[in-house]
């Protein structure tokens, strides 16, 4: 299992805390064998579960210049028109994908093109399922242009997530499906699309970053 490099420090700290706590608990309870193994078994399960937060699986990517590919693993929770106030200043079609703690948290680039804008916004940590998290939570905005079209990807931290790491910078030429970044411990990715696209996903659908088609550009 491949682990994302941005998870190493968090995993190390979590493992150290769990090791110290379990050692203290095991000594304090003065358990006899084999019961003394129970706290250590629970610790091992928790550490393995924490490792899964930062897994970065290798996948066969969907590459199609007319398709917008999901930037995140998770469930589609919104498909709606919304005014985009940061960059486009116009109404856009938004497809929002919510990442649970069980999903891969590495995000990918939905279309090939050029990164023309990135900005980090400090913010609050409302539950990412809440629509107002898109404007109030910590988030990273990335705009990608391709030919005559462009889209905006907004990575949003949630109630558990505390850090967003972006893997691209302004001026980068990016490929469809390459790594965009990672949101530690979750939460949500909104994609702001031109209103004329054809949506092929639906609310409630489970999608996969780099593989699932969310919408198509007019041919």
Foldseek 3Di string as FASTA:
>chain_A
DAFDPVCVVVLVVLLVVLVVVLVVVLVVVVDDPPVSCVSVVVSVVVSVLLRQQGDDDDDDFDADQFFFAFFFFAFWADWAWDQDVPPPRGIFTKTKGWWALNTHFWTWGRHWAFWADKDWDDADAAAQSDPCQQPGHTWMWIKGDDPPFIKIKIGGHHNPWDDWAAPDDHGDGDHHQHTGTGTRRTTMMMMTGHPPWAADDDGGDGHHHRYHTGTGHDD
